[in-house]
Amino acid sequence: LDTEGRLLAYDFQVRYPSNDAPLLALLLT
């Protein structure tokens, strides 16, 4: 925040897995 309490800066880092949900049948076979 700045000295007046206003939004100043934002840093956002995220780690998450790819959306790769193959068919269960493809995995099992």
mmCIF file of all heavy atoms, coordinates in Angstrom:
data_MODEL
# 
_entry.id   MODEL 
# 
loop_
_atom_site.group_PDB 
_atom_site.id 
_atom_site.type_symbol 
_atom_site.label_atom_id 
_atom_site.label_alt_id 
_atom_site.label_comp_id 
_atom_site.label_asym_id 
_atom_site.label_entity_id 
_atom_site.label_seq_id 
_atom_site.pdbx_PDB_ins_code 
_atom_site.Cartn_x 
_atom_site.Cartn_y 
_atom_site.Cartn_z 
_atom_site.occupancy 
_atom_site.B_iso_or_equiv 
_atom_site.pdbx_formal_charge 
_atom_site.auth_seq_id 
_atom_site.auth_comp_id 
_atom_site.auth_asym_id 
_atom_site.auth_atom_id 
_atom_site.pdbx_PDB_model_num 
ATOM 1   N N   . LEU A 1 1  ? 0.853   -1.189  0.000   1.00 0.00 ? 1  LEU A N   1 
ATOM 2   C CA  . LEU A 1 1  ? 0.000   0.000   0.000   1.00 0.00 ? 1  LEU A CA  1 
ATOM 3   C C   . LEU A 1 1  ? 0.888   1.237   0.000   1.00 0.00 ? 1  LEU A C   1 
ATOM 4   O O   . LEU A 1 1  ? 2.024   1.189   0.478   1.00 0.00 ? 1  LEU A O   1 
ATOM 5   C CB  . LEU A 1 1  ? -0.862  0.020   1.264   1.00 0.00 ? 1  LEU A CB  1 
ATOM 6   C CG  . LEU A 1 1  ? -1.811  -1.153  1.481   1.00 0.00 ? 1  LEU A CG  1 
ATOM 7   C CD1 . LEU A 1 1  ? -2.404  -1.091  2.886   1.00 0.00 ? 1  LEU A CD1 1 
ATOM 8   C CD2 . LEU A 1 1  ? -2.900  -1.160  0.423   1.00 0.00 ? 1  LEU A CD2 1 
ATOM 9   N N   . ASP A 1 2  ? 0.368   2.334   -0.520  1.00 0.00 ? 2  ASP A N   1 
ATOM 10  C CA  . ASP A 1 2  ? 1.117   3.581   -0.378  1.00 0.00 ? 2  ASP A CA  1 
ATOM 11  C C   . ASP A 1 2  ? 0.817   4.173   1.009   1.00 0.00 ? 2  ASP A C   1 
ATOM 12  O O   . ASP A 1 2  ? 0.072   3.592   1.802   1.00 0.00 ? 2  ASP A O   1 
ATOM 13  C CB  . ASP A 1 2  ? 0.811   4.561   -1.526  1.00 0.00 ? 2  ASP A CB  1 
ATOM 14  C CG  . ASP A 1 2  ? -0.622  5.059   -1.544  1.00 0.00 ? 2  ASP A CG  1 
ATOM 15  O OD1 . ASP A 1 2  ? -1.343  4.903   -0.526  1.00 0.00 ? 2  ASP A OD1 1 
ATOM 16  O OD2 . ASP A 1 2  ? -1.034  5.624   -2.576  1.00 0.00 ? 2  ASP A OD2 1 
ATOM 17  N N   . THR A 1 3  ? 1.368   5.333   1.302   1.00 0.00 ? 3  THR A N   1 
ATOM 18  C CA  . THR A 1 3  ? 1.203   5.930   2.638   1.00 0.00 ? 3  THR A CA  1 
ATOM 19  C C   . THR A 1 3  ? -0.234  6.357   2.919   1.00 0.00 ? 3  THR A C   1 
ATOM 20  O O   . THR A 1 3  ? -0.601  6.553   4.070   1.00 0.00 ? 3  THR A O   1 
ATOM 21  C CB  . THR A 1 3  ? 2.141   7.148   2.802   1.00 0.00 ? 3  THR A CB  1 
ATOM 22  O OG1 . THR A 1 3  ? 1.848   8.078   1.755   1.00 0.00 ? 3  THR A OG1 1 
ATOM 23  C CG2 . THR A 1 3  ? 3.590   6.717   2.737   1.00 0.00 ? 3  THR A CG2 1 
ATOM 24  N N   . GLU A 1 4  ? -1.037  6.475   1.884   1.00 0.00 ? 4  GLU A N   1 
ATOM 25  C CA  . GLU A 1 4  ? -2.443  6.834   2.044   1.00 0.00 ? 4  GLU A CA  1 
ATOM 26  C C   . GLU A 1 4  ? -3.348  5.598   2.146   1.00 0.00 ? 4  GLU A C   1 
ATOM 27  O O   . GLU A 1 4  ? -4.569  5.724   2.247   1.00 0.00 ? 4  GLU A O   1 
ATOM 28  C CB  . GLU A 1 4  ? -2.906  7.710   0.870   1.00 0.00 ? 4  GLU A CB  1 
ATOM 29  C CG  . GLU A 1 4  ? -2.105  8.978   0.676   1.00 0.00 ? 4  GLU A CG  1 
ATOM 30  C CD  . GLU A 1 4  ? -2.232  9.905   1.877   1.00 0.00 ? 4  GLU A CD  1 
ATOM 31  O OE1 . GLU A 1 4  ? -3.352  10.067  2.384   1.00 0.00 ? 4  GLU A OE1 1 
ATOM 32  O OE2 . GLU A 1 4  ? -1.191  10.441  2.304   1.00 0.00 ? 4  GLU A OE2 1 
ATOM 33  N N   . GLY A 1 5  ? -2.749  4.397   2.099   1.00 0.00 ? 5  GLY A N   1 
ATOM 34  C CA  . GLY A 1 5  ? -3.536  3.176   2.189   1.00 0.00 ? 5  GLY A CA  1 
ATOM 35  C C   . GLY A 1 5  ? -4.141  2.716   0.875   1.00 0.00 ? 5  GLY A C   1 
ATOM 36  O O   . GLY A 1 5  ? -5.014  1.852   0.856   1.00 0.00 ? 5  GLY A O   1 
ATOM 37  N N   . ARG A 1 6  ? -3.666  3.274   -0.237  1.00 0.00 ? 6  ARG A N   1 
ATOM 38  C CA  . ARG A 1 6  ? -4.169  2.863   -1.556  1.00 0.00 ? 6  ARG A CA  1 
ATOM 39  C C   . ARG A 1 6  ? -3.336  1.703   -2.084  1.00 0.00 ? 6  ARG A C   1 
ATOM 40  O O   . ARG A 1 6  ? -2.143  1.583   -1.768  1.00 0.00 ? 6  ARG A O   1 
ATOM 41  C CB  . ARG A 1 6  ? -4.111  4.037   -2.528  1.00 0.00 ? 6  ARG A CB  1 
ATOM 42  C CG  . ARG A 1 6  ? -5.112  5.144   -2.195  1.00 0.00 ? 6  ARG A CG  1 
ATOM 43  C CD  . ARG A 1 6  ? -5.038  6.259   -3.218  1.00 0.00 ? 6  ARG A CD  1 
ATOM 44  N NE  . ARG A 1 6  ? -3.709  6.868   -3.215  1.00 0.00 ? 6  ARG A NE  1 
ATOM 45  C CZ  . ARG A 1 6  ? -3.441  8.117   -2.851  1.00 0.00 ? 6  ARG A CZ  1 
ATOM 46  N NH1 . ARG A 1 6  ? -4.417  8.914   -2.474  1.00 0.00 ? 6  ARG A NH1 1 
ATOM 47  N NH2 . ARG A 1 6  ? -2.218  8.583   -2.867  1.00 0.00 ? 6  ARG A NH2 1 
ATOM 48  N N   . LEU A 1 7  ? -3.972  0.873   -2.932  1.00 0.00 ? 7  LEU A N   1 
ATOM 49  C CA  . LEU A 1 7  ? -3.270  -0.255  -3.541  1.00 0.00 ? 7  LEU A CA  1 
ATOM 50  C C   . LEU A 1 7  ? -2.096  0.260   -4.360  1.00 0.00 ? 7  LEU A C   1 
ATOM 51  O O   . LEU A 1 7  ? -2.240  1.173   -5.167  1.00 0.00 ? 7  LEU A O   1 
ATOM 52  C CB  . LEU A 1 7  ? -4.223  -1.046  -4.440  1.00 0.00 ? 7  LEU A CB  1 
ATOM 53  C CG  . LEU A 1 7  ? -5.455  -1.643  -3.766  1.00 0.00 ? 7  LEU A CG  1 
ATOM 54  C CD1 . LEU A 1 7  ? -6.345  -2.327  -4.802  1.00 0.00 ? 7  LEU A CD1 1 
ATOM 55  C CD2 . LEU A 1 7  ? -5.069  -2.610  -2.667  1.00 0.00 ? 7  LEU A CD2 1 
ATOM 56  N N   . LEU A 1 8  ? -0.935  -0.314  -4.166  1.00 0.00 ? 8  LEU A N   1 
ATOM 57  C CA  . LEU A 1 8  ? 0.277   0.144   -4.837  1.00 0.00 ? 8  LEU A CA  1 
ATOM 58  C C   . LEU A 1 8  ? 0.872   -0.938  -5.731  1.00 0.00 ? 8  LEU A C   1 
ATOM 59  O O   . LEU A 1 8  ? 1.120   -0.715  -6.911  1.00 0.00 ? 8  LEU A O   1 
ATOM 60  C CB  . LEU A 1 8  ? 1.308   0.597   -3.796  1.00 0.00 ? 8  LEU A CB  1 
ATOM 61  C CG  . LEU A 1 8  ? 2.622   1.148   -4.326  1.00 0.00 ? 8  LEU A CG  1 
ATOM 62  C CD1 . LEU A 1 8  ? 2.373   2.404   -5.151  1.00 0.00 ? 8  LEU A CD1 1 
ATOM 63  C CD2 . LEU A 1 8  ? 3.566   1.444   -3.177  1.00 0.00 ? 8  LEU A CD2 1 
ATOM 64  N N   . ALA A 1 9  ? 1.139   -2.126  -5.168  1.00 0.00 ? 9  ALA A N   1 
ATOM 65  C CA  . ALA A 1 9  ? 1.815   -3.171  -5.940  1.00 0.00 ? 9  ALA A CA  1 
ATOM 66  C C   . ALA A 1 9  ? 1.278   -4.536  -5.542  1.00 0.00 ? 9  ALA A C   1 
ATOM 67  O O   . ALA A 1 9  ? 0.830   -4.741  -4.414  1.00 0.00 ? 9  ALA A O   1 
ATOM 68  C CB  . ALA A 1 9  ? 3.321   -3.107  -5.696  1.00 0.00 ? 9  ALA A CB  1 
ATOM 69  N N   . TYR A 1 10 ? 1.363   -5.457  -6.492  1.00 0.00 ? 10 TYR A N   1 
ATOM 70  C CA  . TYR A 1 10 ? 0.862   -6.817  -6.277  1.00 0.00 ? 10 TYR A CA  1 
ATOM 71  C C   . TYR A 1 10 ? 1.803   -7.793  -6.961  1.00 0.00 ? 10 TYR A C   1 
ATOM 72  O O   . TYR A 1 10 ? 2.176   -7.604  -8.119  1.00 0.00 ? 10 TYR A O   1 
ATOM 73  C CB  . TYR A 1 10 ? -0.543  -6.926  -6.871  1.00 0.00 ? 10 TYR A CB  1 
ATOM 74  C CG  . TYR A 1 10 ? -1.316  -8.165  -6.468  1.00 0.00 ? 10 TYR A CG  1 
ATOM 75  C CD1 . TYR A 1 10 ? -1.809  -8.305  -5.188  1.00 0.00 ? 10 TYR A CD1 1 
ATOM 76  C CD2 . TYR A 1 10 ? -1.572  -9.177  -7.385  1.00 0.00 ? 10 TYR A CD2 1 
ATOM 77  C CE1 . TYR A 1 10 ? -2.548  -9.412  -4.818  1.00 0.00 ? 10 TYR A CE1 1 
ATOM 78  C CE2 . TYR A 1 10 ? -2.308  -10.290 -7.025  1.00 0.00 ? 10 TYR A CE2 1 
ATOM 79  C CZ  . TYR A 1 10 ? -2.794  -10.408 -5.739  1.00 0.00 ? 10 TYR A CZ  1 
ATOM 80  O OH  . TYR A 1 10 ? -3.530  -11.501 -5.369  1.00 0.00 ? 10 TYR A OH  1 
ATOM 81  N N   . ASP A 1 11 ? 2.168   -8.830  -6.242  1.00 0.00 ? 11 ASP A N   1 
ATOM 82  C CA  . ASP A 1 11 ? 3.025   -9.880  -6.790  1.00 0.00 ? 11 ASP A CA  1 
ATOM 83  C C   . ASP A 1 11 ? 2.340   -11.216 -6.512  1.00 0.00 ? 11 ASP A C   1 
ATOM 84  O O   . ASP A 1 11 ? 2.053   -11.544 -5.360  1.00 0.00 ? 11 ASP A O   1 
ATOM 85  C CB  . ASP A 1 11 ? 4.412   -9.855  -6.134  1.00 0.00 ? 11 ASP A CB  1 
ATOM 86  C CG  . ASP A 1 11 ? 5.367   -10.816 -6.816  1.00 0.00 ? 11 ASP A CG  1 
ATOM 87  O OD1 . ASP A 1 11 ? 5.385   -12.006 -6.432  1.00 0.00 ? 11 ASP A OD1 1 
ATOM 88  O OD2 . ASP A 1 11 ? 6.061   -10.372 -7.739  1.00 0.00 ? 11 ASP A OD2 1 
ATOM 89  N N   . PHE A 1 12 ? 2.053   -11.958 -7.559  1.00 0.00 ? 12 PHE A N   1 
ATOM 90  C CA  . PHE A 1 12 ? 1.302   -13.213 -7.433  1.00 0.00 ? 12 PHE A CA  1 
ATOM 91  C C   . PHE A 1 12 ? 2.017   -14.281 -8.231  1.00 0.00 ? 12 PHE A C   1 
ATOM 92  O O   . PHE A 1 12 ? 2.218   -14.151 -9.434  1.00 0.00 ? 12 PHE A O   1 
ATOM 93  C CB  . PHE A 1 12 ? -0.118  -13.004 -7.969  1.00 0.00 ? 12 PHE A CB  1 
ATOM 94  C CG  . PHE A 1 12 ? -1.020  -14.196 -7.821  1.00 0.00 ? 12 PHE A CG  1 
ATOM 95  C CD1 . PHE A 1 12 ? -1.678  -14.434 -6.628  1.00 0.00 ? 12 PHE A CD1 1 
ATOM 96  C CD2 . PHE A 1 12 ? -1.227  -15.061 -8.883  1.00 0.00 ? 12 PHE A CD2 1 
ATOM 97  C CE1 . PHE A 1 12 ? -2.531  -15.520 -6.493  1.00 0.00 ? 12 PHE A CE1 1 
ATOM 98  C CE2 . PHE A 1 12 ? -2.076  -16.145 -8.762  1.00 0.00 ? 12 PHE A CE2 1 
ATOM 99  C CZ  . PHE A 1 12 ? -2.731  -16.378 -7.558  1.00 0.00 ? 12 PHE A CZ  1 
ATOM 100 N N   . GLN A 1 13 ? 2.438   -15.326 -7.548  1.00 0.00 ? 13 GLN A N   1 
ATOM 101 C CA  . GLN A 1 13 ? 3.045   -16.474 -8.210  1.00 0.00 ? 13 GLN A CA  1 
ATOM 102 C C   . GLN A 1 13 ? 2.237   -17.708 -7.828  1.00 0.00 ? 13 GLN A C   1 
ATOM 103 O O   . GLN A 1 13 ? 1.903   -17.900 -6.659  1.00 0.00 ? 13 GLN A O   1 
ATOM 104 C CB  . GLN A 1 13 ? 4.489   -16.658 -7.781  1.00 0.00 ? 13 GLN A CB  1 
ATOM 105 C CG  . GLN A 1 13 ? 5.411   -15.564 -8.276  1.00 0.00 ? 13 GLN A CG  1 
ATOM 106 C CD  . GLN A 1 13 ? 6.844   -15.926 -8.025  1.00 0.00 ? 13 GLN A CD  1 
ATOM 107 O OE1 . GLN A 1 13 ? 7.337   -16.909 -8.561  1.00 0.00 ? 13 GLN A OE1 1 
ATOM 108 N NE2 . GLN A 1 13 ? 7.511   -15.137 -7.203  1.00 0.00 ? 13 GLN A NE2 1 
ATOM 109 N N   . VAL A 1 14 ? 1.931   -18.514 -8.808  1.00 0.00 ? 14 VAL A N   1 
ATOM 110 C CA  . VAL A 1 14 ? 1.149   -19.720 -8.563  1.00 0.00 ? 14 VAL A CA  1 
ATOM 111 C C   . VAL A 1 14 ? 1.812   -20.910 -9.242  1.00 0.00 ? 14 VAL A C   1 
ATOM 112 O O   . VAL A 1 14 ? 2.411   -20.778 -10.301 1.00 0.00 ? 14 VAL A O   1 
ATOM 113 C CB  . VAL A 1 14 ? -0.314  -19.535 -9.043  1.00 0.00 ? 14 VAL A CB  1 
ATOM 114 C CG1 . VAL A 1 14 ? -0.397  -19.279 -10.537 1.00 0.00 ? 14 VAL A CG1 1 
ATOM 115 C CG2 . VAL A 1 14 ? -1.173  -20.724 -8.650  1.00 0.00 ? 14 VAL A CG2 1 
ATOM 116 N N   . ARG A 1 15 ? 1.710   -22.024 -8.574  1.00 0.00 ? 15 ARG A N   1 
ATOM 117 C CA  . ARG A 1 15 ? 2.176   -23.297 -9.133  1.00 0.00 ? 15 ARG A CA  1 
ATOM 118 C C   . ARG A 1 15 ? 0.993   -24.259 -9.089  1.00 0.00 ? 15 ARG A C   1 
ATOM 119 O O   . ARG A 1 15 ? 0.426   -24.493 -8.030  1.00 0.00 ? 15 ARG A O   1 
ATOM 120 C CB  . ARG A 1 15 ? 3.330   -23.847 -8.310  1.00 0.00 ? 15 ARG A CB  1 
ATOM 121 C CG  . ARG A 1 15 ? 4.601   -23.074 -8.482  1.00 0.00 ? 15 ARG A CG  1 
ATOM 122 C CD  . ARG A 1 15 ? 5.617   -23.432 -7.403  1.00 0.00 ? 15 ARG A CD  1 
ATOM 123 N NE  . ARG A 1 15 ? 6.847   -22.709 -7.598  1.00 0.00 ? 15 ARG A NE  1 
ATOM 124 C CZ  . ARG A 1 15 ? 7.031   -21.432 -7.236  1.00 0.00 ? 15 ARG A CZ  1 
ATOM 125 N NH1 . ARG A 1 15 ? 6.080   -20.762 -6.659  1.00 0.00 ? 15 ARG A NH1 1 
ATOM 126 N NH2 . ARG A 1 15 ? 8.173   -20.833 -7.456  1.00 0.00 ? 15 ARG A NH2 1 
ATOM 127 N N   . TYR A 1 16 ? 0.624   -24.756 -10.258 1.00 0.00 ? 16 TYR A N   1 
ATOM 128 C CA  . TYR A 1 16 ? -0.446  -25.740 -10.313 1.00 0.00 ? 16 TYR A CA  1 
ATOM 129 C C   . TYR A 1 16 ? -0.258  -26.640 -11.524 1.00 0.00 ? 16 TYR A C   1 
ATOM 130 O O   . TYR A 1 16 ? 0.409   -26.283 -12.476 1.00 0.00 ? 16 TYR A O   1 
ATOM 131 C CB  . TYR A 1 16 ? -1.831  -25.091 -10.317 1.00 0.00 ? 16 TYR A CB  1 
ATOM 132 C CG  . TYR A 1 16 ? -2.117  -24.134 -11.447 1.00 0.00 ? 16 TYR A CG  1 
ATOM 133 C CD1 . TYR A 1 16 ? -2.609  -24.580 -12.658 1.00 0.00 ? 16 TYR A CD1 1 
ATOM 134 C CD2 . TYR A 1 16 ? -1.934  -22.772 -11.278 1.00 0.00 ? 16 TYR A CD2 1 
ATOM 135 C CE1 . TYR A 1 16 ? -2.899  -23.704 -13.678 1.00 0.00 ? 16 TYR A CE1 1 
ATOM 136 C CE2 . TYR A 1 16 ? -2.231  -21.887 -12.290 1.00 0.00 ? 16 TYR A CE2 1 
ATOM 137 C CZ  . TYR A 1 16 ? -2.712  -22.360 -13.483 1.00 0.00 ? 16 TYR A CZ  1 
ATOM 138 O OH  . TYR A 1 16 ? -2.996  -21.485 -14.489 1.00 0.00 ? 16 TYR A OH  1 
ATOM 139 N N   . PRO A 1 17 ? -0.848  -27.828 -11.462 1.00 0.00 ? 17 PRO A N   1 
ATOM 140 C CA  . PRO A 1 17 ? -0.638  -28.794 -12.535 1.00 0.00 ? 17 PRO A CA  1 
ATOM 141 C C   . PRO A 1 17 ? -1.496  -28.513 -13.761 1.00 0.00 ? 17 PRO A C   1 
ATOM 142 O O   . PRO A 1 17 ? -2.565  -27.921 -13.678 1.00 0.00 ? 17 PRO A O   1 
ATOM 143 C CB  . PRO A 1 17 ? -1.037  -30.121 -11.902 1.00 0.00 ? 17 PRO A CB  1 
ATOM 144 C CG  . PRO A 1 17 ? -1.950  -29.763 -10.812 1.00 0.00 ? 17 PRO A CG  1 
ATOM 145 C CD  . PRO A 1 17 ? -1.559  -28.401 -10.335 1.00 0.00 ? 17 PRO A CD  1 
ATOM 146 N N   . SER A 1 18 ? -0.988  -28.987 -14.874 1.00 0.00 ? 18 SER A N   1 
ATOM 147 C CA  . SER A 1 18 ? -1.711  -28.873 -16.131 1.00 0.00 ? 18 SER A CA  1 
ATOM 148 C C   . SER A 1 18 ? -3.055  -29.575 -16.044 1.00 0.00 ? 18 SER A C   1 
ATOM 149 O O   . SER A 1 18 ? -3.229  -30.525 -15.298 1.00 0.00 ? 18 SER A O   1 
ATOM 150 C CB  . SER A 1 18 ? -0.898  -29.524 -17.247 1.00 0.00 ? 18 SER A CB  1 
ATOM 151 O OG  . SER A 1 18 ? 0.341   -28.889 -17.374 1.00 0.00 ? 18 SER A OG  1 
ATOM 152 N N   . ASN A 1 19 ? -3.968  -29.098 -16.824 1.00 0.00 ? 19 ASN A N   1 
ATOM 153 C CA  . ASN A 1 19 ? -5.287  -29.712 -16.883 1.00 0.00 ? 19 ASN A CA  1 
ATOM 154 C C   . ASN A 1 19 ? -5.240  -30.861 -17.889 1.00 0.00 ? 19 ASN A C   1 
ATOM 155 O O   . ASN A 1 19 ? -5.737  -30.757 -18.992 1.00 0.00 ? 19 ASN A O   1 
ATOM 156 C CB  . ASN A 1 19 ? -6.313  -28.665 -17.299 1.00 0.00 ? 19 ASN A CB  1 
ATOM 157 C CG  . ASN A 1 19 ? -7.723  -29.181 -17.174 1.00 0.00 ? 19 ASN A CG  1 
ATOM 158 O OD1 . ASN A 1 19 ? -7.959  -30.182 -16.519 1.00 0.00 ? 19 ASN A OD1 1 
ATOM 159 N ND2 . ASN A 1 19 ? -8.652  -28.506 -17.808 1.00 0.00 ? 19 ASN A ND2 1 
ATOM 160 N N   . ASP A 1 20 ? -4.611  -31.943 -17.497 1.00 0.00 ? 20 ASP A N   1 
ATOM 161 C CA  . ASP A 1 20 ? -4.451  -33.077 -18.392 1.00 0.00 ? 20 ASP A CA  1 
ATOM 162 C C   . ASP A 1 20 ? -5.077  -34.295 -17.722 1.00 0.00 ? 20 ASP A C   1 
ATOM 163 O O   . ASP A 1 20 ? -4.404  -35.062 -17.054 1.00 0.00 ? 20 ASP A O   1 
ATOM 164 C CB  . ASP A 1 20 ? -2.956  -33.311 -18.669 1.00 0.00 ? 20 ASP A CB  1 
ATOM 165 C CG  . ASP A 1 20 ? -2.749  -34.364 -19.736 1.00 0.00 ? 20 ASP A CG  1 
ATOM 166 O OD1 . ASP A 1 20 ? -3.661  -34.593 -20.543 1.00 0.00 ? 20 ASP A OD1 1 
ATOM 167 O OD2 . ASP A 1 20 ? -1.669  -34.978 -19.749 1.00 0.00 ? 20 ASP A OD2 1 
ATOM 168 N N   . ALA A 1 21 ? -6.379  -34.437 -17.886 1.00 0.00 ? 21 ALA A N   1 
ATOM 169 C CA  . ALA A 1 21 ? -7.101  -35.554 -17.273 1.00 0.00 ? 21 ALA A CA  1 
ATOM 170 C C   . ALA A 1 21 ? -7.457  -36.544 -18.376 1.00 0.00 ? 21 ALA A C   1 
ATOM 171 O O   . ALA A 1 21 ? -8.526  -36.474 -18.958 1.00 0.00 ? 21 ALA A O   1 
ATOM 172 C CB  . ALA A 1 21 ? -8.359  -35.047 -16.567 1.00 0.00 ? 21 ALA A CB  1 
ATOM 173 N N   . PRO A 1 22 ? -6.557  -37.467 -18.686 1.00 0.00 ? 22 PRO A N   1 
ATOM 174 C CA  . PRO A 1 22 ? -6.854  -38.414 -19.770 1.00 0.00 ? 22 PRO A CA  1 
ATOM 175 C C   . PRO A 1 22 ? -7.985  -39.355 -19.368 1.00 0.00 ? 22 PRO A C   1 
ATOM 176 O O   . PRO A 1 22 ? -8.307  -39.495 -18.189 1.00 0.00 ? 22 PRO A O   1 
ATOM 177 C CB  . PRO A 1 22 ? -5.537  -39.178 -19.938 1.00 0.00 ? 22 PRO A CB  1 
ATOM 178 C CG  . PRO A 1 22 ? -4.866  -39.065 -18.616 1.00 0.00 ? 22 PRO A CG  1 
ATOM 179 C CD  . PRO A 1 22 ? -5.276  -37.740 -18.054 1.00 0.00 ? 22 PRO A CD  1 
ATOM 180 N N   . LEU A 1 23 ? -8.572  -39.989 -20.354 1.00 0.00 ? 23 LEU A N   1 
ATOM 181 C CA  . LEU A 1 23 ? -9.604  -40.981 -20.065 1.00 0.00 ? 23 LEU A CA  1 
ATOM 182 C C   . LEU A 1 23 ? -9.041  -42.056 -19.154 1.00 0.00 ? 23 LEU A C   1 
ATOM 183 O O   . LEU A 1 23 ? -7.923  -42.540 -19.361 1.00 0.00 ? 23 LEU A O   1 
ATOM 184 C CB  . LEU A 1 23 ? -10.092 -41.647 -21.346 1.00 0.00 ? 23 LEU A CB  1 
ATOM 185 C CG  . LEU A 1 23 ? -10.942 -40.828 -22.296 1.00 0.00 ? 23 LEU A CG  1 
ATOM 186 C CD1 . LEU A 1 23 ? -11.262 -41.636 -23.547 1.00 0.00 ? 23 LEU A CD1 1 
ATOM 187 C CD2 . LEU A 1 23 ? -12.219 -40.362 -21.623 1.00 0.00 ? 23 LEU A CD2 1 
ATOM 188 N N   . LEU A 1 24 ? -9.820  -42.449 -18.176 1.00 0.00 ? 24 LEU A N   1 
ATOM 189 C CA  . LEU A 1 24 ? -9.398  -43.510 -17.270 1.00 0.00 ? 24 LEU A CA  1 
ATOM 190 C C   . LEU A 1 24 ? -9.121  -44.790 -18.050 1.00 0.00 ? 24 LEU A C   1 
ATOM 191 O O   . LEU A 1 24 ? -8.156  -45.507 -17.764 1.00 0.00 ? 24 LEU A O   1 
ATOM 192 C CB  . LEU A 1 24 ? -10.464 -43.724 -16.193 1.00 0.00 ? 24 LEU A CB  1 
ATOM 193 C CG  . LEU A 1 24 ? -10.091 -44.606 -15.023 1.00 0.00 ? 24 LEU A CG  1 
ATOM 194 C CD1 . LEU A 1 24 ? -8.816  -44.132 -14.336 1.00 0.00 ? 24 LEU A CD1 1 
ATOM 195 C CD2 . LEU A 1 24 ? -11.248 -44.670 -14.028 1.00 0.00 ? 24 LEU A CD2 1 
ATOM 196 N N   . ALA A 1 25 ? -9.926  -45.082 -19.066 1.00 0.00 ? 25 ALA A N   1 
ATOM 197 C CA  . ALA A 1 25 ? -9.716  -46.288 -19.882 1.00 0.00 ? 25 ALA A CA  1 
ATOM 198 C C   . ALA A 1 25 ? -8.368  -46.244 -20.595 1.00 0.00 ? 25 ALA A C   1 
ATOM 199 O O   . ALA A 1 25 ? -7.697  -47.277 -20.730 1.00 0.00 ? 25 ALA A O   1 
ATOM 200 C CB  . ALA A 1 25 ? -10.853 -46.448 -20.890 1.00 0.00 ? 25 ALA A CB  1 
ATOM 201 N N   . LEU A 1 26 ? -7.954  -45.061 -21.065 1.00 0.00 ? 26 LEU A N   1 
ATOM 202 C CA  . LEU A 1 26 ? -6.637  -44.957 -21.713 1.00 0.00 ? 26 LEU A CA  1 
ATOM 203 C C   . LEU A 1 26 ? -5.518  -45.232 -20.718 1.00 0.00 ? 26 LEU A C   1 
ATOM 204 O O   . LEU A 1 26 ? -4.516  -45.864 -21.055 1.00 0.00 ? 26 LEU A O   1 
ATOM 205 C CB  . LEU A 1 26 ? -6.457  -43.574 -22.342 1.00 0.00 ? 26 LEU A CB  1 
ATOM 206 C CG  . LEU A 1 26 ? -7.109  -43.359 -23.695 1.00 0.00 ? 26 LEU A CG  1 
ATOM 207 C CD1 . LEU A 1 26 ? -7.033  -41.894 -24.106 1.00 0.00 ? 26 LEU A CD1 1 
ATOM 208 C CD2 . LEU A 1 26 ? -6.468  -44.242 -24.748 1.00 0.00 ? 26 LEU A CD2 1 
ATOM 209 N N   . LEU A 1 27 ? -5.687  -44.754 -19.490 1.00 0.00 ? 27 LEU A N   1 
ATOM 210 C CA  . LEU A 1 27 ? -4.675  -45.031 -18.466 1.00 0.00 ? 27 LEU A CA  1 
ATOM 211 C C   . LEU A 1 27 ? -4.646  -46.516 -18.108 1.00 0.00 ? 27 LEU A C   1 
ATOM 212 O O   . LEU A 1 27 ? -3.583  -47.135 -18.033 1.00 0.00 ? 27 LEU A O   1 
ATOM 213 C CB  . LEU A 1 27 ? -4.945  -44.206 -17.208 1.00 0.00 ? 27 LEU A CB  1 
ATOM 214 C CG  . LEU A 1 27 ? -4.639  -42.719 -17.292 1.00 0.00 ? 27 LEU A CG  1 
ATOM 215 C CD1 . LEU A 1 27 ? -5.211  -41.989 -16.086 1.00 0.00 ? 27 LEU A CD1 1 
ATOM 216 C CD2 . LEU A 1 27 ? -3.145  -42.484 -17.389 1.00 0.00 ? 27 LEU A CD2 1 
ATOM 217 N N   . LEU A 1 28 ? -5.824  -47.104 -17.896 1.00 0.00 ? 28 LEU A N   1 
ATOM 218 C CA  . LEU A 1 28 ? -5.900  -48.494 -17.440 1.00 0.00 ? 28 LEU A CA  1 
ATOM 219 C C   . LEU A 1 28 ? -5.499  -49.500 -18.512 1.00 0.00 ? 28 LEU A C   1 
ATOM 220 O O   . LEU A 1 28 ? -5.024  -50.590 -18.193 1.00 0.00 ? 28 LEU A O   1 
ATOM 221 C CB  . LEU A 1 28 ? -7.304  -48.802 -16.918 1.00 0.00 ? 28 LEU A CB  1 
ATOM 222 C CG  . LEU A 1 28 ? -7.728  -48.014 -15.679 1.00 0.00 ? 28 LEU A CG  1 
ATOM 223 C CD1 . LEU A 1 28 ? -9.170  -48.324 -15.309 1.00 0.00 ? 28 LEU A CD1 1 
ATOM 224 C CD2 . LEU A 1 28 ? -6.803  -48.304 -14.500 1.00 0.00 ? 28 LEU A CD2 1 
ATOM 225 N N   . THR A 1 29 ? -5.684  -49.157 -19.784 1.00 0.00 ? 29 THR A N   1 
ATOM 226 C CA  . THR A 1 29 ? -5.303  -50.063 -20.868 1.00 0.00 ? 29 THR A CA  1 
ATOM 227 C C   . THR A 1 29 ? -3.878  -49.813 -21.362 1.00 0.00 ? 29 THR A C   1 
ATOM 228 O O   . THR A 1 29 ? -3.399  -50.507 -22.240 1.00 0.00 ? 29 THR A O   1 
ATOM 229 C CB  . THR A 1 29 ? -6.265  -49.925 -22.072 1.00 0.00 ? 29 THR A CB  1 
ATOM 230 O OG1 . THR A 1 29 ? -6.190  -48.589 -22.578 1.00 0.00 ? 29 THR A OG1 1 
ATOM 231 C CG2 . THR A 1 29 ? -7.690  -50.288 -21.691 1.00 0.00 ? 29 THR A CG2 1 
# 
